[in-house]
Amino acid sequence: MQGKIYKALSGFYYIHNGDSSVICTARGRFRNEKETPLVGDTVEYSMEDPNFGRIEKIEPRKNRFIRPAVANIDQIIFVASKAIPETEPFLIDRLSVIAEQQACLFAVCVNKEDLQPGEEFEKCYKKAGFAVIRTSTRDGTGIEELRNEMRGKTSVLTGNSGVGKSSLLNCLNPKLQLPTAVVSEKLGRGRHTTRHIELFRIEKTTFVTDTPGFSSIDIETTAELDKDQLQYLFPEFRAFLGFCHFDNCAHMNEPDCAVKKAVQDGKIAKSRYSSYRRLYQICQTVKKW
């Protein structure tokens, strides 16, 4: 039989098969092959009794992500905040590059608009070519715009702990009643309320997964990037590529660089270019074997 994994928890996989759901574990050979079923995977499974089964095969994926650990995603929506906890732009930029690499749509949702307006993020990421939605779960600002952005897609919400991912999902579908937590003003960060990854249905053809929040960079994922391809993963760079003095310009310290000039002219956001340099330096340290 075939179905889609909608939740993974402690080695158990919860699978929708159309009209109902079953709980499965993965065959031991997946561990031997160093392959792990992910939320979003379409799998084949066999039943050992009416309510419990074993995953036999993972169907080919259109994409997969290490963090968050999901597969077959149409769109990543990074939930950011200019209030407590304030999101570091590099977190957004790193995820946007991973999305581009995986041919996945990317959008930015600036939440807590009632506490601290998100014009700065909106200006930066719209200039980069991404959809930006500013929301507040307290007064409903932007919720319908967010729903429209997600409609007909399988999306993943990701971002810092405490930015309000679970609260946004509760607004989109009040039946979910996901737990939320107060952000610590002293520490400036939230407590994890999402302990696992789960795929939720918002509308008939609209699915979304909440993911455990994070506050540090996932070097493992970043290390998979090729420094020479990095420039192509920043959409706003593309109009200026090929116009540098050097054909092999890395847009770092070279003279007469069209990308650096675009930054000086305000056509590329300084924070985005700073993230490019930081990512390039990380990729430069990775040895290709």
Protein backbone atom coordinates (compact mmCIF):
# COMPACT_ATOMS: atom_id res chain seq x y z
CA MET A 1 0.00 0.00 0.00
CA GLN A 2 1.04 3.60 -0.52
CA GLY A 3 0.66 6.77 1.55
CA LYS A 4 2.31 10.02 2.68
CA ILE A 5 4.18 10.47 5.96
CA TYR A 6 2.57 13.32 7.89
CA LYS A 7 4.34 12.90 11.23
CA ALA A 8 7.58 11.36 12.47
CA LEU A 9 8.10 10.79 16.18
CA SER A 10 10.63 8.61 18.03
CA GLY A 11 11.09 6.17 15.15
CA PHE A 12 7.38 5.89 14.39
CA TYR A 13 5.93 7.20 11.13
CA TYR A 14 2.29 8.26 10.81
CA ILE A 15 1.03 7.75 7.27
CA HIS A 16 -2.07 9.08 5.49
CA ASN A 17 -3.34 6.57 2.94
CA GLY A 18 -6.34 8.49 1.67
CA ASP A 19 -9.26 7.83 3.98
CA SER A 20 -7.40 6.79 7.12
CA SER A 21 -3.95 6.66 8.68
CA VAL A 22 -1.61 3.99 10.02
CA ILE A 23 1.50 3.89 12.19
CA CYS A 24 4.63 2.31 10.74
CA THR A 25 8.27 1.72 11.52
CA ALA A 26 10.99 1.55 8.88
CA ARG A 27 12.64 -1.69 7.84
CA GLY A 28 16.12 -2.18 9.31
CA ARG A 29 17.69 -2.01 5.87
CA PHE A 30 16.98 1.74 5.76
CA ARG A 31 19.34 2.17 8.70
CA ASN A 32 21.96 0.03 6.98
CA GLU A 33 21.58 2.12 3.82
CA LYS A 34 21.78 5.32 5.93
CA GLU A 35 18.42 6.44 4.60
CA THR A 36 15.71 7.90 6.83
CA PRO A 37 12.05 8.36 5.89
CA LEU A 38 11.03 12.02 6.16
CA VAL A 39 7.81 13.89 6.71
CA GLY A 40 6.42 14.57 3.24
CA ASP A 41 7.72 11.30 1.77
CA THR A 42 5.42 9.11 -0.29
CA VAL A 43 6.14 5.55 0.81
CA GLU A 44 5.09 1.98 0.16
CA TYR A 45 4.32 -0.03 3.28
CA SER A 46 3.03 -3.45 4.31
CA MET A 47 0.68 -4.21 7.20
CA GLU A 48 1.70 -6.62 9.96
CA ASP A 49 -1.67 -6.21 11.69
CA PRO A 50 -4.72 -3.94 11.10
CA ASN A 51 -3.11 -0.91 12.78
CA PHE A 52 0.64 -1.30 12.42
CA GLY A 53 2.91 -1.57 9.39
CA ARG A 54 6.45 -1.46 8.02
CA ILE A 55 7.79 1.02 5.46
CA GLU A 56 9.17 -0.94 2.52
CA LYS A 57 10.11 1.74 0.00
CA ILE A 58 10.53 5.51 -0.26
CA GLU A 59 9.33 6.89 -3.58
CA PRO A 60 11.67 9.27 -5.47
CA ARG A 61 11.73 12.75 -3.93
CA LYS A 62 11.61 16.05 -5.76
CA ASN A 63 13.68 17.58 -2.95
CA ARG A 64 14.78 16.97 0.62
CA PHE A 65 16.10 19.13 3.43
CA ILE A 66 18.33 18.27 6.37
CA ARG A 67 17.10 21.05 8.62
CA PRO A 68 14.15 21.06 8.70
CA ALA A 69 14.08 17.32 7.94
CA VAL A 70 11.31 17.26 5.33
CA ALA A 71 10.83 16.15 1.73
CA ASN A 72 8.74 17.03 -1.34
CA ILE A 73 8.23 20.64 -0.29
CA ASP A 74 6.89 23.28 -2.70
CA GLN A 75 7.72 26.30 -0.58
CA ILE A 76 9.71 27.34 2.48
CA ILE A 77 8.22 30.20 4.47
CA PHE A 78 10.71 31.69 6.88
CA VAL A 79 8.89 33.23 9.84
CA ALA A 80 10.95 36.15 11.10
CA SER A 81 10.46 38.87 13.68
CA LYS A 82 11.79 42.36 14.33
CA ALA A 83 10.51 42.11 17.93
CA ILE A 84 11.77 39.74 20.62
CA PRO A 85 13.23 37.39 19.47
CA GLU A 86 14.73 39.45 16.65
CA THR A 87 15.76 37.32 13.68
CA GLU A 88 19.31 37.47 12.36
CA PRO A 89 19.14 38.09 8.58
CA PHE A 90 21.83 35.48 7.93
CA LEU A 91 19.42 32.76 9.10
CA ILE A 92 16.92 33.87 6.47
CA ASP A 93 19.54 34.17 3.76
CA ARG A 94 21.06 30.77 4.44
CA LEU A 95 17.62 29.12 4.13
CA SER A 96 16.83 31.10 0.96
CA VAL A 97 20.01 29.75 -0.66
CA ILE A 98 19.12 26.17 0.32
CA ALA A 99 15.62 26.69 -1.14
CA GLU A 100 17.07 28.01 -4.40
CA GLN A 101 19.43 25.05 -4.60
CA GLN A 102 16.50 22.66 -4.16
CA ALA A 103 14.29 24.49 -6.72
CA CYS A 104 11.88 25.34 -3.93
CA LEU A 105 9.89 28.58 -3.61
CA PHE A 106 10.91 30.86 -0.75
CA ALA A 107 8.90 33.49 1.11
CA VAL A 108 9.40 35.58 4.24
CA CYS A 109 6.67 36.09 6.83
CA VAL A 110 7.51 38.92 9.24
CA ASN A 111 5.38 38.18 12.29
CA LYS A 112 4.59 40.26 15.41
CA GLU A 113 3.79 43.27 13.27
CA ASP A 114 1.80 44.71 16.19
CA LEU A 115 4.96 44.83 18.33
CA GLN A 116 7.58 45.93 15.81
CA PRO A 117 6.81 46.77 12.15
CA GLY A 118 8.79 44.82 9.57
CA GLU A 119 9.40 47.44 6.85
CA GLU A 120 13.16 46.79 6.88
CA PHE A 121 12.79 43.07 6.18
CA GLU A 122 10.04 43.71 3.62
CA LYS A 123 12.19 46.16 1.66
CA CYS A 124 15.22 43.85 1.73
CA TYR A 125 13.52 40.64 0.66
CA LYS A 126 11.13 42.10 -1.89
CA LYS A 127 14.20 43.65 -3.53
CA ALA A 128 15.69 40.14 -3.62
CA GLY A 129 12.57 38.90 -5.44
CA PHE A 130 10.84 36.99 -2.63
CA ALA A 131 7.25 37.22 -1.47
CA VAL A 132 7.00 39.02 1.89
CA ILE A 133 3.97 38.91 4.19
CA ARG A 134 3.76 40.95 7.39
CA THR A 135 1.50 39.38 9.99
CA SER A 136 0.18 39.65 13.52
CA THR A 137 -1.61 36.81 15.26
CA ARG A 138 -3.03 39.26 17.80
CA ASP A 139 -5.07 41.39 15.39
CA GLY A 140 -5.14 39.15 12.30
CA THR A 141 -2.96 41.37 10.13
CA GLY A 142 -1.79 39.55 7.00
CA ILE A 143 -3.31 36.16 7.89
CA GLU A 144 -5.44 35.97 4.73
CA GLU A 145 -2.49 37.13 2.62
CA LEU A 146 -0.42 34.32 4.15
CA ARG A 147 -3.22 31.83 3.46
CA ASN A 148 -3.31 32.92 -0.19
CA GLU A 149 0.47 32.55 -0.47
CA MET A 150 0.22 28.98 0.81
CA ARG A 151 -2.87 27.91 -1.13
CA GLY A 152 -2.40 24.79 -3.26
CA LYS A 153 1.13 24.16 -2.01
CA THR A 154 2.93 22.03 0.56
CA SER A 155 4.82 24.57 2.63
CA VAL A 156 7.14 24.43 5.60
CA LEU A 157 7.23 27.09 8.29
CA THR A 158 10.66 27.54 9.82
CA GLY A 159 12.49 30.14 11.86
CA ASN A 160 13.67 31.02 15.35
CA SER A 161 12.00 29.62 18.43
CA GLY A 162 9.42 32.09 19.66
CA VAL A 163 8.67 33.94 16.41
CA GLY A 164 5.13 32.55 16.37
CA LYS A 165 5.04 29.68 13.88
CA SER A 166 2.57 27.63 15.92
CA SER A 167 0.43 30.71 16.59
CA LEU A 168 0.24 31.41 12.85
CA LEU A 169 -0.92 27.84 12.19
CA ASN A 170 -3.59 28.20 14.88
CA CYS A 171 -4.84 31.32 13.10
CA LEU A 172 -4.89 29.54 9.74
CA ASN A 173 -6.71 26.53 11.22
CA PRO A 174 -8.11 27.08 14.75
CA LYS A 175 -8.93 23.36 15.04
CA LEU A 176 -5.21 22.58 15.36
CA GLN A 177 -4.88 24.16 18.83
CA LEU A 178 -1.09 23.84 18.80
CA PRO A 179 0.71 24.76 22.03
CA THR A 180 2.46 28.14 22.15
CA ALA A 181 4.83 29.70 24.68
CA VAL A 182 5.76 33.15 25.96
CA VAL A 183 9.12 34.53 24.82
CA SER A 184 11.67 35.31 27.52
CA GLU A 185 12.40 39.05 27.48
CA LYS A 186 15.60 38.45 29.49
CA LEU A 187 17.04 35.88 27.07
CA GLY A 188 15.42 37.30 23.94
CA ARG A 189 14.38 33.90 22.66
CA GLY A 190 11.49 31.49 22.84
CA ARG A 191 11.12 28.02 24.24
CA HIS A 192 10.56 25.16 21.81
CA THR A 193 6.89 24.21 21.71
CA THR A 194 7.15 22.07 18.57
CA ARG A 195 8.94 18.83 19.48
CA HIS A 196 8.54 17.04 16.18
CA ILE A 197 7.76 17.71 12.54
CA GLU A 198 4.18 17.23 11.41
CA LEU A 199 2.29 17.94 8.18
CA PHE A 200 -1.06 19.69 8.70
CA ARG A 201 -3.93 20.23 6.25
CA ILE A 202 -5.04 23.87 6.10
CA GLU A 203 -7.37 23.50 3.12
CA LYS A 204 -8.15 20.66 0.72
CA THR A 205 -4.96 21.15 -1.35
CA THR A 206 -2.97 23.21 1.15
CA PHE A 207 -0.54 21.51 3.52
CA VAL A 208 1.98 22.98 5.90
CA THR A 209 4.44 21.66 8.42
CA ASP A 210 5.58 23.38 11.58
CA THR A 211 9.17 22.64 12.55
CA PRO A 212 11.09 22.88 15.83
CA GLY A 213 12.63 26.34 16.05
CA PHE A 214 16.36 26.97 15.90
CA SER A 215 18.77 29.74 16.77
CA SER A 216 22.06 28.58 15.24
CA ILE A 217 23.42 27.91 11.77
CA ASP A 218 23.15 24.42 10.32
CA ILE A 219 26.73 24.07 9.05
CA GLU A 220 26.05 20.56 7.75
CA THR A 221 23.55 21.85 5.20
CA THR A 222 25.59 24.95 4.34
CA ALA A 223 28.65 22.81 3.71
CA GLU A 224 26.89 21.07 0.80
CA LEU A 225 26.97 24.32 -1.18
CA ASP A 226 29.52 24.90 -3.94
CA LYS A 227 31.20 28.29 -3.53
CA ASP A 228 31.41 28.71 -7.32
CA GLN A 229 27.64 28.17 -7.68
CA LEU A 230 26.69 30.33 -4.70
CA GLN A 231 26.35 33.51 -6.78
CA TYR A 232 23.56 31.91 -8.83
CA LEU A 233 21.56 31.15 -5.68
CA PHE A 234 21.06 34.84 -4.89
CA PRO A 235 18.28 35.87 -7.35
CA GLU A 236 19.08 39.59 -7.14
CA PHE A 237 22.68 38.94 -8.30
CA ARG A 238 21.64 37.47 -11.66
CA ALA A 239 21.10 40.78 -13.47
CA PHE A 240 24.72 41.73 -12.77
CA LEU A 241 26.51 38.44 -13.43
CA GLY A 242 28.73 38.50 -16.50
CA PHE A 243 29.40 42.26 -16.26
CA CYS A 244 32.39 42.11 -13.91
CA HIS A 245 35.92 42.90 -15.10
CA PHE A 246 37.02 39.31 -14.48
CA ASP A 247 35.10 36.40 -16.00
CA ASN A 248 35.70 34.29 -12.90
CA CYS A 249 34.85 37.07 -10.44
CA ALA A 250 33.84 35.75 -7.01
CA HIS A 251 32.42 39.17 -6.00
CA MET A 252 34.64 39.22 -2.93
CA ASN A 253 37.81 41.36 -3.26
CA GLU A 254 38.12 41.74 -7.04
CA PRO A 255 38.18 45.24 -8.60
CA ASP A 256 35.47 46.46 -11.02
CA CYS A 257 32.90 43.98 -9.72
CA ALA A 258 29.37 44.61 -11.01
CA VAL A 259 27.78 42.92 -8.00
CA LYS A 260 29.69 45.08 -5.51
CA LYS A 261 28.77 48.18 -7.51
CA ALA A 262 25.10 47.14 -7.37
CA VAL A 263 25.42 46.95 -3.59
CA GLN A 264 26.93 50.46 -3.51
CA ASP A 265 24.11 51.73 -5.73
CA GLY A 266 21.44 50.22 -3.46
CA LYS A 267 20.24 47.68 -6.03
CA ILE A 268 21.31 44.78 -3.79
CA ALA A 269 20.74 44.95 -0.03
CA LYS A 270 23.94 45.27 2.00
CA SER A 271 22.77 42.58 4.45
CA ARG A 272 22.23 40.12 1.59
CA TYR A 273 25.69 40.77 0.19
CA SER A 274 27.15 40.38 3.69
CA SER A 275 25.44 36.98 3.93
CA TYR A 276 26.86 36.02 0.52
CA ARG A 277 30.39 36.81 1.72
CA ARG A 278 29.85 34.86 4.93
CA LEU A 279 28.49 31.84 3.09
CA TYR A 280 31.28 31.99 0.51
CA GLN A 281 33.89 31.90 3.26
CA ILE A 282 32.17 28.91 4.88
CA CYS A 283 32.05 27.07 1.55
CA GLN A 284 35.69 27.92 0.92
CA THR A 285 36.77 25.96 3.99
CA VAL A 286 35.02 22.76 2.87
CA LYS A 287 37.30 20.24 1.18
CA LYS A 288 35.86 18.36 -1.78
CA TRP A 289 36.87 14.71 -1.67
